[in-house]
Amino acid sequence: MTTTWKIPSRAALLCAASLLAPLTGTAATALATAQVQGGASQRADLQSFDGVVEPVRQATLAAQVAGSIVSLSVKAGDTVRVGQELVRIDARAASQNAQASAAQVDAARASLTVAGKDLERQQQLLQKQYISQAALERSKAQFDAAQAQVKALQAQSDAAQTQQRFFVIQAPFAGVVSEVPVALGDMAMPGRPLLTLHDPSDLRVTASVAQSALPASLAKLQFELPGWSGASGLMNAGGATLLPLVDAATHSAQIRFKLPALSGVVPGMFARVWLPAAGGAATSGERLFVPSAAVVRRAELTAVYLMDAQGRPALRQVRLGRVQGDRVEVLTGVRAGDKVATDPTAAAQVR
């Protein structure tokens, strides 16, 4: 049987090549674009600063003694109550030392009892003038030494009992386990963190504010939580505090305020704090918007493809604000009238 091969025409080959090759030349001008739109700002007298949600009560529990971890009763995300056992370290050697100390105390008390009875006999003999005063004084010295020995050994026994409690790690307050960097069988060493605990009912927002932008009053401070599922725009922050220290390296100060009870807010979430513009001067009264589809997110990069003078797309990093419908506010990176590609995938293929 004879097999016949059909050679494709030159036109078909050119058509296939044009589909596989990146967009070039005039193809770049065919990209769908949208103009950066400006609108009246409702925050003309405000400026924003990035913040983070932090727990007010957080503790990193570490070991005070060395030993193998024999019990690990919690994991990250567990809710614990105050005084609950979290980690237990092998305390067999410490227990034996405590028992030995207690036995030494018992032996010293027995010696003290013998010395006390001997002193009583010596006192009776002295009254009958059967012994000298020096013999009585020697007997009293032996009694005092035995009494001091009991006190010293009792202190050692108490210390051994106290150290034995170091082998059990308990929750200092009720909260949620944030992190457990150890596993069952690991070696605990003095100072090594065993787990982190925080109180989810007591959260705050901390934001770093440039020294030149510090407001005279924190009465009008507002904030928002863009990543929170229940985000509902700007919220008023009550009880804000400006820490009385400016960082010498960044020339910025920290502002803190306590969060109200918000379901679903956890430590580490991003927050945006809005402060009155420094000196009461209004910032730019125009807000810039781009289509949400034009935004590119690659790991830590947030950008758009901005069309240059030749009509070719170039990746431009931007800082985003609030989302309004199918548009998103752009705080920095573009200007009013700029054109951005609404199809980032197609724009990325342009060479």
C-alpha atoms as a PDB file:
ATOM      1  CA  MET A   1       0.000   0.000   0.000  1.00  0.00           C
ATOM      2  CA  THR A   2       1.356   3.405  -0.959  1.00  0.00           C
ATOM      3  CA  THR A   3       1.088   6.285   1.550  1.00  0.00           C
ATOM      4  CA  THR A   4       0.531   9.727   0.121  1.00  0.00           C
ATOM      5  CA  TRP A   5       1.883  12.754   2.072  1.00  0.00           C
ATOM      6  CA  LYS A   6       0.196  16.093   1.487  1.00  0.00           C
ATOM      7  CA  ILE A   7       2.590  19.017   1.712  1.00  0.00           C
ATOM      8  CA  PRO A   8       0.894  22.086   3.271  1.00  0.00           C
ATOM      9  CA  SER A   9       0.833  25.238   1.260  1.00  0.00           C
ATOM     10  CA  ARG A  10       3.056  28.223   2.026  1.00  0.00           C
ATOM     11  CA  ALA A  11       0.021  30.266   3.089  1.00  0.00           C
ATOM     12  CA  ALA A  12      -0.997  27.655   5.651  1.00  0.00           C
ATOM     13  CA  LEU A  13       2.532  27.556   7.109  1.00  0.00           C
ATOM     14  CA  LEU A  14       2.638  31.337   7.429  1.00  0.00           C
ATOM     15  CA  CYS A  15      -0.752  31.371   9.132  1.00  0.00           C
ATOM     16  CA  ALA A  16       0.336  28.748  11.699  1.00  0.00           C
ATOM     17  CA  ALA A  17       3.561  30.593  12.389  1.00  0.00           C
ATOM     18  CA  SER A  18       1.693  33.803  13.014  1.00  0.00           C
ATOM     19  CA  LEU A  19      -0.492  32.067  15.600  1.00  0.00           C
ATOM     20  CA  LEU A  20       2.448  30.533  17.482  1.00  0.00           C
ATOM     21  CA  ALA A  21       4.787  33.515  17.450  1.00  0.00           C
ATOM     22  CA  PRO A  22       4.623  36.287  20.078  1.00  0.00           C
ATOM     23  CA  LEU A  23       2.755  39.449  19.209  1.00  0.00           C
ATOM     24  CA  THR A  24       5.052  41.860  17.371  1.00  0.00           C
ATOM     25  CA  GLY A  25       4.862  45.044  15.386  1.00  0.00           C
ATOM     26  CA  THR A  26       1.367  46.189  14.604  1.00  0.00           C
ATOM     27  CA  ALA A  27      -0.088  43.256  16.588  1.00  0.00           C
ATOM     28  CA  ALA A  28       0.759  45.122  19.789  1.00  0.00           C
ATOM     29  CA  THR A  29      -1.508  47.964  18.765  1.00  0.00           C
ATOM     30  CA  ALA A  30      -4.411  45.513  18.646  1.00  0.00           C
ATOM     31  CA  LEU A  31      -4.271  44.951  22.373  1.00  0.00           C
ATOM     32  CA  ALA A  32      -7.395  45.931  24.249  1.00  0.00           C
ATOM     33  CA  THR A  33      -6.609  48.938  26.420  1.00  0.00           C
ATOM     34  CA  ALA A  34      -8.385  51.127  28.931  1.00  0.00           C
ATOM     35  CA  GLN A  35      -7.619  54.649  30.015  1.00  0.00           C
ATOM     36  CA  VAL A  36      -6.724  55.423  33.609  1.00  0.00           C
ATOM     37  CA  GLN A  37      -9.758  57.273  34.874  1.00  0.00           C
ATOM     38  CA  GLY A  38      -9.803  59.983  37.475  1.00  0.00           C
ATOM     39  CA  GLY A  39     -12.626  60.747  39.861  1.00  0.00           C
ATOM     40  CA  ALA A  40     -13.449  63.058  42.690  1.00  0.00           C
ATOM     41  CA  SER A  41     -11.807  61.925  45.908  1.00  0.00           C
ATOM     42  CA  GLN A  42     -13.659  61.435  49.124  1.00  0.00           C
ATOM     43  CA  ARG A  43     -10.291  61.366  50.894  1.00  0.00           C
ATOM     44  CA  ALA A  44      -8.726  64.555  49.617  1.00  0.00           C
ATOM     45  CA  ASP A  45      -7.588  65.449  53.114  1.00  0.00           C
ATOM     46  CA  LEU A  46      -6.388  61.941  54.060  1.00  0.00           C
ATOM     47  CA  GLN A  47      -3.268  59.915  53.444  1.00  0.00           C
ATOM     48  CA  SER A  48      -2.785  56.193  53.973  1.00  0.00           C
ATOM     49  CA  PHE A  49      -0.111  54.123  55.696  1.00  0.00           C
ATOM     50  CA  ASP A  50       0.343  50.383  55.771  1.00  0.00           C
ATOM     51  CA  GLY A  51      -0.206  48.547  59.042  1.00  0.00           C
ATOM     52  CA  VAL A  52      -0.513  45.047  60.407  1.00  0.00           C
ATOM     53  CA  VAL A  53      -2.827  43.294  62.850  1.00  0.00           C
ATOM     54  CA  GLU A  54      -1.034  42.151  66.005  1.00  0.00           C
ATOM     55  CA  PRO A  55      -2.104  40.383  69.196  1.00  0.00           C
ATOM     56  CA  VAL A  56      -1.882  42.457  72.355  1.00  0.00           C
ATOM     57  CA  ARG A  57      -1.216  39.351  74.434  1.00  0.00           C
ATOM     58  CA  GLN A  58       1.293  36.974  72.880  1.00  0.00           C
ATOM     59  CA  ALA A  59       3.768  34.666  74.565  1.00  0.00           C
ATOM     60  CA  THR A  60       6.565  32.502  73.235  1.00  0.00           C
ATOM     61  CA  LEU A  61       6.970  29.659  75.698  1.00  0.00           C
ATOM     62  CA  ALA A  62      10.470  28.236  76.030  1.00  0.00           C
ATOM     63  CA  ALA A  63      12.105  25.531  78.106  1.00  0.00           C
ATOM     64  CA  GLN A  64      14.007  26.377  81.292  1.00  0.00           C
ATOM     65  CA  VAL A  65      15.622  22.939  81.509  1.00  0.00           C
ATOM     66  CA  ALA A  66      17.096  20.416  79.114  1.00  0.00           C
ATOM     67  CA  GLY A  67      15.403  17.146  78.269  1.00  0.00           C
ATOM     68  CA  SER A  68      13.549  15.128  75.680  1.00  0.00           C
ATOM     69  CA  ILE A  69       9.946  16.106  74.848  1.00  0.00           C
ATOM     70  CA  VAL A  70       7.795  13.171  75.925  1.00  0.00           C
ATOM     71  CA  SER A  71       4.357  14.786  75.555  1.00  0.00           C
ATOM     72  CA  LEU A  72       3.073  17.393  73.094  1.00  0.00           C
ATOM     73  CA  SER A  73      -0.659  17.763  73.583  1.00  0.00           C
ATOM     74  CA  VAL A  74      -1.415  20.712  71.258  1.00  0.00           C
ATOM     75  CA  LYS A  75      -0.911  21.758  67.666  1.00  0.00           C
ATOM     76  CA  ALA A  76      -1.133  25.049  65.785  1.00  0.00           C
ATOM     77  CA  GLY A  77      -4.691  26.368  65.809  1.00  0.00           C
ATOM     78  CA  ASP A  78      -5.777  24.664  69.024  1.00  0.00           C
ATOM     79  CA  THR A  79      -7.638  26.674  71.639  1.00  0.00           C
ATOM     80  CA  VAL A  80      -6.265  26.261  75.159  1.00  0.00           C
ATOM     81  CA  ARG A  81      -7.396  27.341  78.613  1.00  0.00           C
ATOM     82  CA  VAL A  82      -5.280  28.963  81.294  1.00  0.00           C
ATOM     83  CA  GLY A  83      -3.152  26.420  83.181  1.00  0.00           C
ATOM     84  CA  GLN A  84      -3.607  23.669  80.587  1.00  0.00           C
ATOM     85  CA  GLU A  85      -0.626  21.366  80.089  1.00  0.00           C
ATOM     86  CA  LEU A  86       0.948  21.968  76.687  1.00  0.00           C
ATOM     87  CA  VAL A  87       4.360  20.287  76.693  1.00  0.00           C
ATOM     88  CA  ARG A  88       5.967  17.785  79.060  1.00  0.00           C
ATOM     89  CA  ILE A  89       9.716  17.191  79.185  1.00  0.00           C
ATOM     90  CA  ASP A  90      11.337  14.010  80.487  1.00  0.00           C
ATOM     91  CA  ALA A  91      11.762  14.670  84.224  1.00  0.00           C
ATOM     92  CA  ARG A  92      12.931  11.282  85.506  1.00  0.00           C
ATOM     93  CA  ALA A  93      16.380  12.541  86.506  1.00  0.00           C
ATOM     94  CA  ALA A  94      14.888  15.595  88.196  1.00  0.00           C
ATOM     95  CA  SER A  95      12.401  13.410  90.061  1.00  0.00           C
ATOM     96  CA  GLN A  96      15.176  11.183  91.340  1.00  0.00           C
ATOM     97  CA  ASN A  97      17.167  14.216  92.479  1.00  0.00           C
ATOM     98  CA  ALA A  98      14.111  15.515  94.338  1.00  0.00           C
ATOM     99  CA  GLN A  99      13.668  12.161  96.067  1.00  0.00           C
ATOM    100  CA  ALA A 100      17.348  12.095  97.050  1.00  0.00           C
ATOM    101  CA  SER A 101      17.093  15.612  98.481  1.00  0.00           C
ATOM    102  CA  ALA A 102      14.007  14.649 100.487  1.00  0.00           C
ATOM    103  CA  ALA A 103      15.844  11.604 101.879  1.00  0.00           C
ATOM    104  CA  GLN A 104      18.789  13.794 102.932  1.00  0.00           C
ATOM    105  CA  VAL A 105      16.372  16.095 104.749  1.00  0.00           C
ATOM    106  CA  ASP A 106      14.934  13.120 106.644  1.00  0.00           C
ATOM    107  CA  ALA A 107      18.432  11.973 107.628  1.00  0.00           C
ATOM    108  CA  ALA A 108      19.384  15.448 108.819  1.00  0.00           C
ATOM    109  CA  ARG A 109      16.217  15.716 110.902  1.00  0.00           C
ATOM    110  CA  ALA A 110      17.036  12.387 112.545  1.00  0.00           C
ATOM    111  CA  SER A 111      20.495  13.679 113.416  1.00  0.00           C
ATOM    112  CA  LEU A 112      18.906  16.862 114.775  1.00  0.00           C
ATOM    113  CA  THR A 113      16.643  14.812 117.014  1.00  0.00           C
ATOM    114  CA  VAL A 114      19.629  12.891 118.415  1.00  0.00           C
ATOM    115  CA  ALA A 115      21.550  16.145 118.963  1.00  0.00           C
ATOM    116  CA  GLY A 116      18.570  17.674 120.757  1.00  0.00           C
ATOM    117  CA  LYS A 117      18.211  14.765 123.181  1.00  0.00           C
ATOM    118  CA  ASP A 118      21.959  14.755 123.824  1.00  0.00           C
ATOM    119  CA  LEU A 119      21.807  18.465 124.640  1.00  0.00           C
ATOM    120  CA  GLU A 120      18.998  17.852 127.143  1.00  0.00           C
ATOM    121  CA  ARG A 121      21.055  15.165 128.892  1.00  0.00           C
ATOM    122  CA  GLN A 122      24.106  17.408 129.014  1.00  0.00           C
ATOM    123  CA  GLN A 123      22.034  20.185 130.582  1.00  0.00           C
ATOM    124  CA  GLN A 124      20.783  17.793 133.285  1.00  0.00           C
ATOM    125  CA  LEU A 125      24.308  16.581 133.977  1.00  0.00           C
ATOM    126  CA  LEU A 126      25.550  20.137 134.264  1.00  0.00           C
ATOM    127  CA  GLN A 127      22.886  20.931 136.852  1.00  0.00           C
ATOM    128  CA  LYS A 128      24.227  18.036 138.939  1.00  0.00           C
ATOM    129  CA  GLN A 129      27.765  19.258 138.223  1.00  0.00           C
ATOM    130  CA  TYR A 130      28.767  15.968 136.624  1.00  0.00           C
ATOM    131  CA  ILE A 131      30.200  17.743 133.507  1.00  0.00           C
ATOM    132  CA  SER A 132      31.873  21.017 132.795  1.00  0.00           C
ATOM    133  CA  GLN A 133      30.407  24.065 131.075  1.00  0.00           C
ATOM    134  CA  ALA A 134      32.662  23.421 128.091  1.00  0.00           C
ATOM    135  CA  ALA A 135      31.108  19.994 127.524  1.00  0.00           C
ATOM    136  CA  LEU A 136      27.655  21.561 127.484  1.00  0.00           C
ATOM    137  CA  GLU A 137      28.769  24.188 124.996  1.00  0.00           C
ATOM    138  CA  ARG A 138      30.172  21.495 122.692  1.00  0.00           C
ATOM    139  CA  SER A 139      26.862  19.655 122.814  1.00  0.00           C
ATOM    140  CA  LYS A 140      24.933  22.867 122.033  1.00  0.00           C
ATOM    141  CA  ALA A 141      27.244  23.595 119.096  1.00  0.00           C
ATOM    142  CA  GLN A 142      26.549  20.141 117.689  1.00  0.00           C
ATOM    143  CA  PHE A 143      22.807  20.759 118.055  1.00  0.00           C
ATOM    144  CA  ASP A 144      23.054  24.136 116.271  1.00  0.00           C
ATOM    145  CA  ALA A 145      25.089  22.560 113.449  1.00  0.00           C
ATOM    146  CA  ALA A 146      22.521  19.798 113.007  1.00  0.00           C
ATOM    147  CA  GLN A 147      19.730  22.405 112.936  1.00  0.00           C
ATOM    148  CA  ALA A 148      21.548  24.450 110.267  1.00  0.00           C
ATOM    149  CA  GLN A 149      22.138  21.291 108.232  1.00  0.00           C
ATOM    150  CA  VAL A 150      18.413  20.569 108.230  1.00  0.00           C
ATOM    151  CA  LYS A 151      17.645  24.092 106.983  1.00  0.00           C
ATOM    152  CA  ALA A 152      20.237  23.857 104.184  1.00  0.00           C
ATOM    153  CA  LEU A 153      19.051  20.457 102.991  1.00  0.00           C
ATOM    154  CA  GLN A 154      15.418  21.584 103.204  1.00  0.00           C
ATOM    155  CA  ALA A 155      16.228  24.541 100.926  1.00  0.00           C
ATOM    156  CA  GLN A 156      17.925  22.181  98.445  1.00  0.00           C
ATOM    157  CA  SER A 157      14.898  19.900  98.510  1.00  0.00           C
ATOM    158  CA  ASP A 158      12.545  22.826  97.852  1.00  0.00           C
ATOM    159  CA  ALA A 159      14.723  23.923  94.935  1.00  0.00           C
ATOM    160  CA  ALA A 160      14.623  20.393  93.508  1.00  0.00           C
ATOM    161  CA  GLN A 161      10.839  20.334  93.827  1.00  0.00           C
ATOM    162  CA  THR A 162      10.590  23.741  92.118  1.00  0.00           C
ATOM    163  CA  GLN A 163      12.883  22.653  89.287  1.00  0.00           C
ATOM    164  CA  GLN A 164      10.769  19.550  88.794  1.00  0.00           C
ATOM    165  CA  ARG A 165       7.834  21.817  87.827  1.00  0.00           C
ATOM    166  CA  PHE A 166       9.926  23.332  85.013  1.00  0.00           C
ATOM    167  CA  PHE A 167       9.492  20.109  83.053  1.00  0.00           C
ATOM    168  CA  VAL A 168       5.779  20.818  82.472  1.00  0.00           C
ATOM    169  CA  ILE A 169       4.867  23.806  80.267  1.00  0.00           C
ATOM    170  CA  GLN A 170       1.412  25.236  80.989  1.00  0.00           C
ATOM    171  CA  ALA A 171      -0.632  27.923  79.243  1.00  0.00           C
ATOM    172  CA  PRO A 172      -0.180  31.286  81.014  1.00  0.00           C
ATOM    173  CA  PHE A 173      -3.502  32.539  79.637  1.00  0.00           C
ATOM    174  CA  ALA A 174      -6.418  31.330  77.540  1.00  0.00           C
ATOM    175  CA  GLY A 175      -5.817  31.697  73.818  1.00  0.00           C
ATOM    176  CA  VAL A 176      -4.915  30.029  70.527  1.00  0.00           C
ATOM    177  CA  VAL A 177      -1.684  28.227  69.674  1.00  0.00           C
ATOM    178  CA  SER A 178      -0.046  30.147  66.820  1.00  0.00           C
ATOM    179  CA  GLU A 179       3.018  28.016  66.143  1.00  0.00           C
ATOM    180  CA  VAL A 180       4.600  24.783  67.374  1.00  0.00           C
ATOM    181  CA  PRO A 181       8.187  24.578  66.037  1.00  0.00           C
ATOM    182  CA  VAL A 182       9.012  21.322  67.871  1.00  0.00           C
ATOM    183  CA  ALA A 183       7.880  17.718  67.594  1.00  0.00           C
ATOM    184  CA  LEU A 184       7.520  14.788  69.941  1.00  0.00           C
ATOM    185  CA  GLY A 185      10.960  13.444  70.804  1.00  0.00           C
ATOM    186  CA  ASP A 186      12.853  16.665  70.096  1.00  0.00           C
ATOM    187  CA  MET A 187      15.454  17.840  72.575  1.00  0.00           C
ATOM    188  CA  ALA A 188      14.346  20.836  74.607  1.00  0.00           C
ATOM    189  CA  MET A 189      17.115  23.198  75.642  1.00  0.00           C
ATOM    190  CA  PRO A 190      16.990  26.228  77.966  1.00  0.00           C
ATOM    191  CA  GLY A 191      15.755  29.204  75.944  1.00  0.00           C
ATOM    192  CA  ARG A 192      14.604  27.171  72.936  1.00  0.00           C
ATOM    193  CA  PRO A 193      11.048  28.211  71.876  1.00  0.00           C
ATOM    194  CA  LEU A 194       8.566  25.385  72.169  1.00  0.00           C
ATOM    195  CA  LEU A 195       5.354  27.108  71.021  1.00  0.00           C
ATOM    196  CA  THR A 196       3.736  30.510  70.544  1.00  0.00           C
ATOM    197  CA  LEU A 197       0.397  31.441  72.077  1.00  0.00           C
ATOM    198  CA  HIS A 198      -1.812  34.503  71.524  1.00  0.00           C
ATOM    199  CA  ASP A 199      -5.162  35.822  72.707  1.00  0.00           C
ATOM    200  CA  PRO A 200      -7.458  36.199  69.639  1.00  0.00           C
ATOM    201  CA  SER A 201      -9.953  38.349  71.539  1.00  0.00           C
ATOM    202  CA  ASP A 202      -7.446  41.165  72.095  1.00  0.00           C
ATOM    203  CA  LEU A 203      -6.002  42.482  68.816  1.00  0.00           C
ATOM    204  CA  ARG A 204      -4.550  45.784  67.701  1.00  0.00           C
ATOM    205  CA  VAL A 205      -3.257  47.477  64.556  1.00  0.00           C
ATOM    206  CA  THR A 206       0.265  48.873  64.399  1.00  0.00           C
ATOM    207  CA  ALA A 207       1.289  51.223  61.595  1.00  0.00           C
ATOM    208  CA  SER A 208       4.575  53.023  60.930  1.00  0.00           C
ATOM    209  CA  VAL A 209       4.051  56.678  60.020  1.00  0.00           C
ATOM    210  CA  ALA A 210       6.708  58.988  58.612  1.00  0.00           C
ATOM    211  CA  GLN A 211       7.839  61.702  60.986  1.00  0.00           C
ATOM    212  CA  SER A 212       6.766  64.428  58.555  1.00  0.00           C
ATOM    213  CA  ALA A 213       3.248  62.991  58.353  1.00  0.00           C
ATOM    214  CA  LEU A 214       2.552  62.618  62.072  1.00  0.00           C
ATOM    215  CA  PRO A 215      -0.796  64.280  62.838  1.00  0.00           C
ATOM    216  CA  ALA A 216      -1.357  66.698  65.698  1.00  0.00           C
ATOM    217  CA  SER A 217      -4.372  64.665  66.837  1.00  0.00           C
ATOM    218  CA  LEU A 218      -5.429  61.043  66.447  1.00  0.00           C
ATOM    219  CA  ALA A 219      -9.114  61.767  66.964  1.00  0.00           C
ATOM    220  CA  LYS A 220      -9.957  61.350  63.254  1.00  0.00           C
ATOM    221  CA  LEU A 221      -7.920  58.223  62.616  1.00  0.00           C
ATOM    222  CA  GLN A 222      -9.628  55.660  60.362  1.00  0.00           C
ATOM    223  CA  PHE A 223      -8.625  52.235  59.120  1.00  0.00           C
ATOM    224  CA  GLU A 224      -9.659  49.445  56.782  1.00  0.00           C
ATOM    225  CA  LEU A 225      -8.860  45.752  56.391  1.00  0.00           C
ATOM    226  CA  PRO A 226      -8.737  45.078  52.617  1.00  0.00           C
ATOM    227  CA  GLY A 227      -8.110  41.332  52.996  1.00  0.00           C
ATOM    228  CA  TRP A 228     -10.858  40.755  55.547  1.00  0.00           C
ATOM    229  CA  SER A 229     -13.884  38.872  54.260  1.00  0.00           C
ATOM    230  CA  GLY A 230     -16.204  41.212  56.136  1.00  0.00           C
ATOM    231  CA  ALA A 231     -14.531  44.402  54.873  1.00  0.00           C
ATOM    232  CA  SER A 232     -17.025  47.253  54.886  1.00  0.00           C
ATOM    233  CA  GLY A 233     -14.955  50.318  54.025  1.00  0.00           C
ATOM    234  CA  LEU A 234     -13.436  52.749  56.451  1.00  0.00           C
ATOM    235  CA  MET A 235     -13.929  52.251  60.174  1.00  0.00           C
ATOM    236  CA  ASN A 236     -13.202  54.667  62.977  1.00  0.00           C
ATOM    237  CA  ALA A 237     -10.334  53.757  65.281  1.00  0.00           C
ATOM    238  CA  GLY A 238     -10.804  54.630  68.926  1.00  0.00           C
ATOM    239  CA  GLY A 239      -8.138  54.925  71.589  1.00  0.00           C
ATOM    240  CA  ALA A 240      -5.181  55.342  69.225  1.00  0.00           C
ATOM    241  CA  THR A 241      -1.762  55.839  70.797  1.00  0.00           C
ATOM    242  CA  LEU A 242       1.346  57.400  69.295  1.00  0.00           C
ATOM    243  CA  LEU A 243       4.439  55.726  70.743  1.00  0.00           C
ATOM    244  CA  PRO A 244       6.868  58.380  72.081  1.00  0.00           C
ATOM    245  CA  LEU A 245       9.797  57.169  70.002  1.00  0.00           C
ATOM    246  CA  VAL A 246      10.960  57.864  66.448  1.00  0.00           C
ATOM    247  CA  ASP A 247      13.110  55.241  64.745  1.00  0.00           C
ATOM    248  CA  ALA A 248      16.503  56.760  63.997  1.00  0.00           C
ATOM    249  CA  ALA A 249      16.968  54.669  60.841  1.00  0.00           C
ATOM    250  CA  THR A 250      13.568  55.163  59.172  1.00  0.00           C
ATOM    251  CA  HIS A 251      12.513  58.429  60.881  1.00  0.00           C
ATOM    252  CA  SER A 252       9.081  56.989  61.499  1.00  0.00           C
ATOM    253  CA  ALA A 253       6.935  56.459  64.571  1.00  0.00           C
ATOM    254  CA  GLN A 254       4.408  53.768  65.415  1.00  0.00           C
ATOM    255  CA  ILE A 255       0.702  54.325  65.914  1.00  0.00           C
ATOM    256  CA  ARG A 256      -1.311  51.667  67.701  1.00  0.00           C
ATOM    257  CA  PHE A 257      -5.001  51.254  68.352  1.00  0.00           C
ATOM    258  CA  LYS A 258      -7.120  48.410  69.633  1.00  0.00           C
ATOM    259  CA  LEU A 259      -9.393  46.591  67.212  1.00  0.00           C
ATOM    260  CA  PRO A 260     -13.065  46.058  68.008  1.00  0.00           C
ATOM    261  CA  ALA A 261     -14.412  42.512  68.076  1.00  0.00           C
ATOM    262  CA  LEU A 262     -14.342  41.458  64.386  1.00  0.00           C
ATOM    263  CA  SER A 263     -14.996  37.857  63.400  1.00  0.00           C
ATOM    264  CA  GLY A 264     -12.368  36.373  61.108  1.00  0.00           C
ATOM    265  CA  VAL A 265      -9.595  38.895  61.819  1.00  0.00           C
ATOM    266  CA  VAL A 266      -6.329  37.177  62.757  1.00  0.00           C
ATOM    267  CA  PRO A 267      -2.803  38.397  63.553  1.00  0.00           C
ATOM    268  CA  GLY A 268      -0.665  39.195  60.533  1.00  0.00           C
ATOM    269  CA  MET A 269      -3.480  40.550  58.358  1.00  0.00           C
ATOM    270  CA  PHE A 270      -2.783  43.671  56.306  1.00  0.00           C
ATOM    271  CA  ALA A 271      -4.380  46.908  57.459  1.00  0.00           C
ATOM    272  CA  ARG A 272      -4.441  50.381  55.950  1.00  0.00           C
ATOM    273  CA  VAL A 273      -4.525  53.368  58.283  1.00  0.00           C
ATOM    274  CA  TRP A 274      -5.869  56.722  57.084  1.00  0.00           C
ATOM    275  CA  LEU A 275      -4.636  59.888  58.773  1.00  0.00           C
ATOM    276  CA  PRO A 276      -5.388  63.575  58.167  1.00  0.00           C
ATOM    277  CA  ALA A 277      -2.839  65.122  55.824  1.00  0.00           C
ATOM    278  CA  ALA A 278       0.023  66.790  57.665  1.00  0.00           C
ATOM    279  CA  GLY A 279      -0.704  70.426  58.469  1.00  0.00           C
ATOM    280  CA  GLY A 280      -4.289  70.012  57.327  1.00  0.00           C
ATOM    281  CA  ALA A 281      -3.235  70.467  53.705  1.00  0.00           C
ATOM    282  CA  ALA A 282      -5.240  68.525  51.183  1.00  0.00           C
ATOM    283  CA  THR A 283      -3.545  65.924  49.078  1.00  0.00           C
ATOM    284  CA  SER A 284      -4.425  65.316  45.467  1.00  0.00           C
ATOM    285  CA  GLY A 285      -8.173  65.534  45.126  1.00  0.00           C
ATOM    286  CA  GLU A 286      -8.338  63.009  42.297  1.00  0.00           C
ATOM    287  CA  ARG A 287      -8.537  59.268  42.554  1.00  0.00           C
ATOM    288  CA  LEU A 288      -7.261  57.062  39.750  1.00  0.00           C
ATOM    289  CA  PHE A 289      -8.952  53.837  38.682  1.00  0.00           C
ATOM    290  CA  VAL A 290      -8.100  50.969  36.343  1.00  0.00           C
ATOM    291  CA  PRO A 291     -10.111  47.853  35.453  1.00  0.00           C
ATOM    292  CA  SER A 292      -9.568  45.017  37.897  1.00  0.00           C
ATOM    293  CA  ALA A 293      -8.794  42.708  34.950  1.00  0.00           C
ATOM    294  CA  ALA A 294      -5.745  44.847  34.085  1.00  0.00           C
ATOM    295  CA  VAL A 295      -3.970  44.107  37.368  1.00  0.00           C
ATOM    296  CA  VAL A 296      -1.162  41.532  37.344  1.00  0.00           C
ATOM    297  CA  ARG A 297      -0.232  39.748  40.583  1.00  0.00           C
ATOM    298  CA  ARG A 298       2.959  37.712  40.575  1.00  0.00           C
ATOM    299  CA  ALA A 299       4.119  36.652  44.048  1.00  0.00           C
ATOM    300  CA  GLU A 300       4.894  39.945  45.828  1.00  0.00           C
ATOM    301  CA  LEU A 301       4.548  42.053  42.659  1.00  0.00           C
ATOM    302  CA  THR A 302       1.391  44.004  41.845  1.00  0.00           C
ATOM    303  CA  ALA A 303       1.557  45.717  38.447  1.00  0.00           C
ATOM    304  CA  VAL A 304      -0.213  46.711  35.240  1.00  0.00           C
ATOM    305  CA  TYR A 305       0.912  46.747  31.608  1.00  0.00           C
ATOM    306  CA  LEU A 306       1.240  50.458  30.738  1.00  0.00           C
ATOM    307  CA  MET A 307       1.233  51.424  27.053  1.00  0.00           C
ATOM    308  CA  ASP A 308       4.218  53.584  26.061  1.00  0.00           C
ATOM    309  CA  ALA A 309       4.449  56.266  23.366  1.00  0.00           C
ATOM    310  CA  GLN A 310       4.977  53.619  20.676  1.00  0.00           C
ATOM    311  CA  GLY A 311       1.894  51.701  21.796  1.00  0.00           C
ATOM    312  CA  ARG A 312       3.842  48.826  23.308  1.00  0.00           C
ATOM    313  CA  PRO A 313       3.043  47.464  26.800  1.00  0.00           C
ATOM    314  CA  ALA A 314       5.570  47.776  29.634  1.00  0.00           C
ATOM    315  CA  LEU A 315       5.135  46.264  33.078  1.00  0.00           C
ATOM    316  CA  ARG A 316       4.687  48.954  35.745  1.00  0.00           C
ATOM    317  CA  GLN A 317       4.523  48.245  39.460  1.00  0.00           C
ATOM    318  CA  VAL A 318       1.585  49.915  41.209  1.00  0.00           C
ATOM    319  CA  ARG A 319       0.109  50.266  44.671  1.00  0.00           C
ATOM    320  CA  LEU A 320      -3.584  49.540  44.874  1.00  0.00           C
ATOM    321  CA  GLY A 321      -6.324  51.003  47.027  1.00  0.00           C
ATOM    322  CA  ARG A 322      -9.975  50.107  47.399  1.00  0.00           C
ATOM    323  CA  VAL A 323     -11.981  48.015  44.948  1.00  0.00           C
ATOM    324  CA  GLN A 324     -15.135  49.585  43.517  1.00  0.00           C
ATOM    325  CA  GLY A 325     -17.128  47.170  41.397  1.00  0.00           C
ATOM    326  CA  ASP A 326     -15.033  46.109  38.413  1.00  0.00           C
ATOM    327  CA  ARG A 327     -12.503  48.884  39.041  1.00  0.00           C
ATOM    328  CA  VAL A 328      -9.674  49.216  41.528  1.00  0.00           C
ATOM    329  CA  GLU A 329      -8.084  52.385  42.828  1.00  0.00           C
ATOM    330  CA  VAL A 330      -4.405  52.946  42.027  1.00  0.00           C
ATOM    331  CA  LEU A 331      -2.544  54.969  44.630  1.00  0.00           C
ATOM    332  CA  THR A 332       0.860  55.148  42.916  1.00  0.00           C
ATOM    333  CA  GLY A 333       2.376  54.078  39.596  1.00  0.00           C
ATOM    334  CA  VAL A 334       0.119  55.648  36.956  1.00  0.00           C
ATOM    335  CA  ARG A 335      -1.267  59.043  36.016  1.00  0.00           C
ATOM    336  CA  ALA A 336      -4.611  60.183  34.734  1.00  0.00           C
ATOM    337  CA  GLY A 337      -4.881  59.613  30.984  1.00  0.00           C
ATOM    338  CA  ASP A 338      -2.411  56.697  30.836  1.00  0.00           C
ATOM    339  CA  LYS A 339      -3.500  53.602  28.939  1.00  0.00           C
ATOM    340  CA  VAL A 340      -3.210  50.107  30.386  1.00  0.00           C
ATOM    341  CA  ALA A 341      -3.704  46.721  28.737  1.00  0.00           C
ATOM    342  CA  THR A 342      -6.871  45.020  29.925  1.00  0.00           C
ATOM    343  CA  ASP A 343      -5.566  41.575  28.897  1.00  0.00           C
ATOM    344  CA  PRO A 344      -2.280  41.038  30.791  1.00  0.00           C
ATOM    345  CA  THR A 345      -1.815  37.565  29.277  1.00  0.00           C
ATOM    346  CA  ALA A 346      -1.802  38.930  25.732  1.00  0.00           C
ATOM    347  CA  ALA A 347       0.353  41.895  26.737  1.00  0.00           C
ATOM    348  CA  ALA A 348       2.976  39.578  28.228  1.00  0.00           C
ATOM    349  CA  GLN A 349       3.450  37.906  24.803  1.00  0.00           C
ATOM    350  CA  VAL A 350       4.405  41.142  23.071  1.00  0.00           C
ATOM    351  CA  ARG A 351       8.120  41.326  22.285  1.00  0.00           C
END
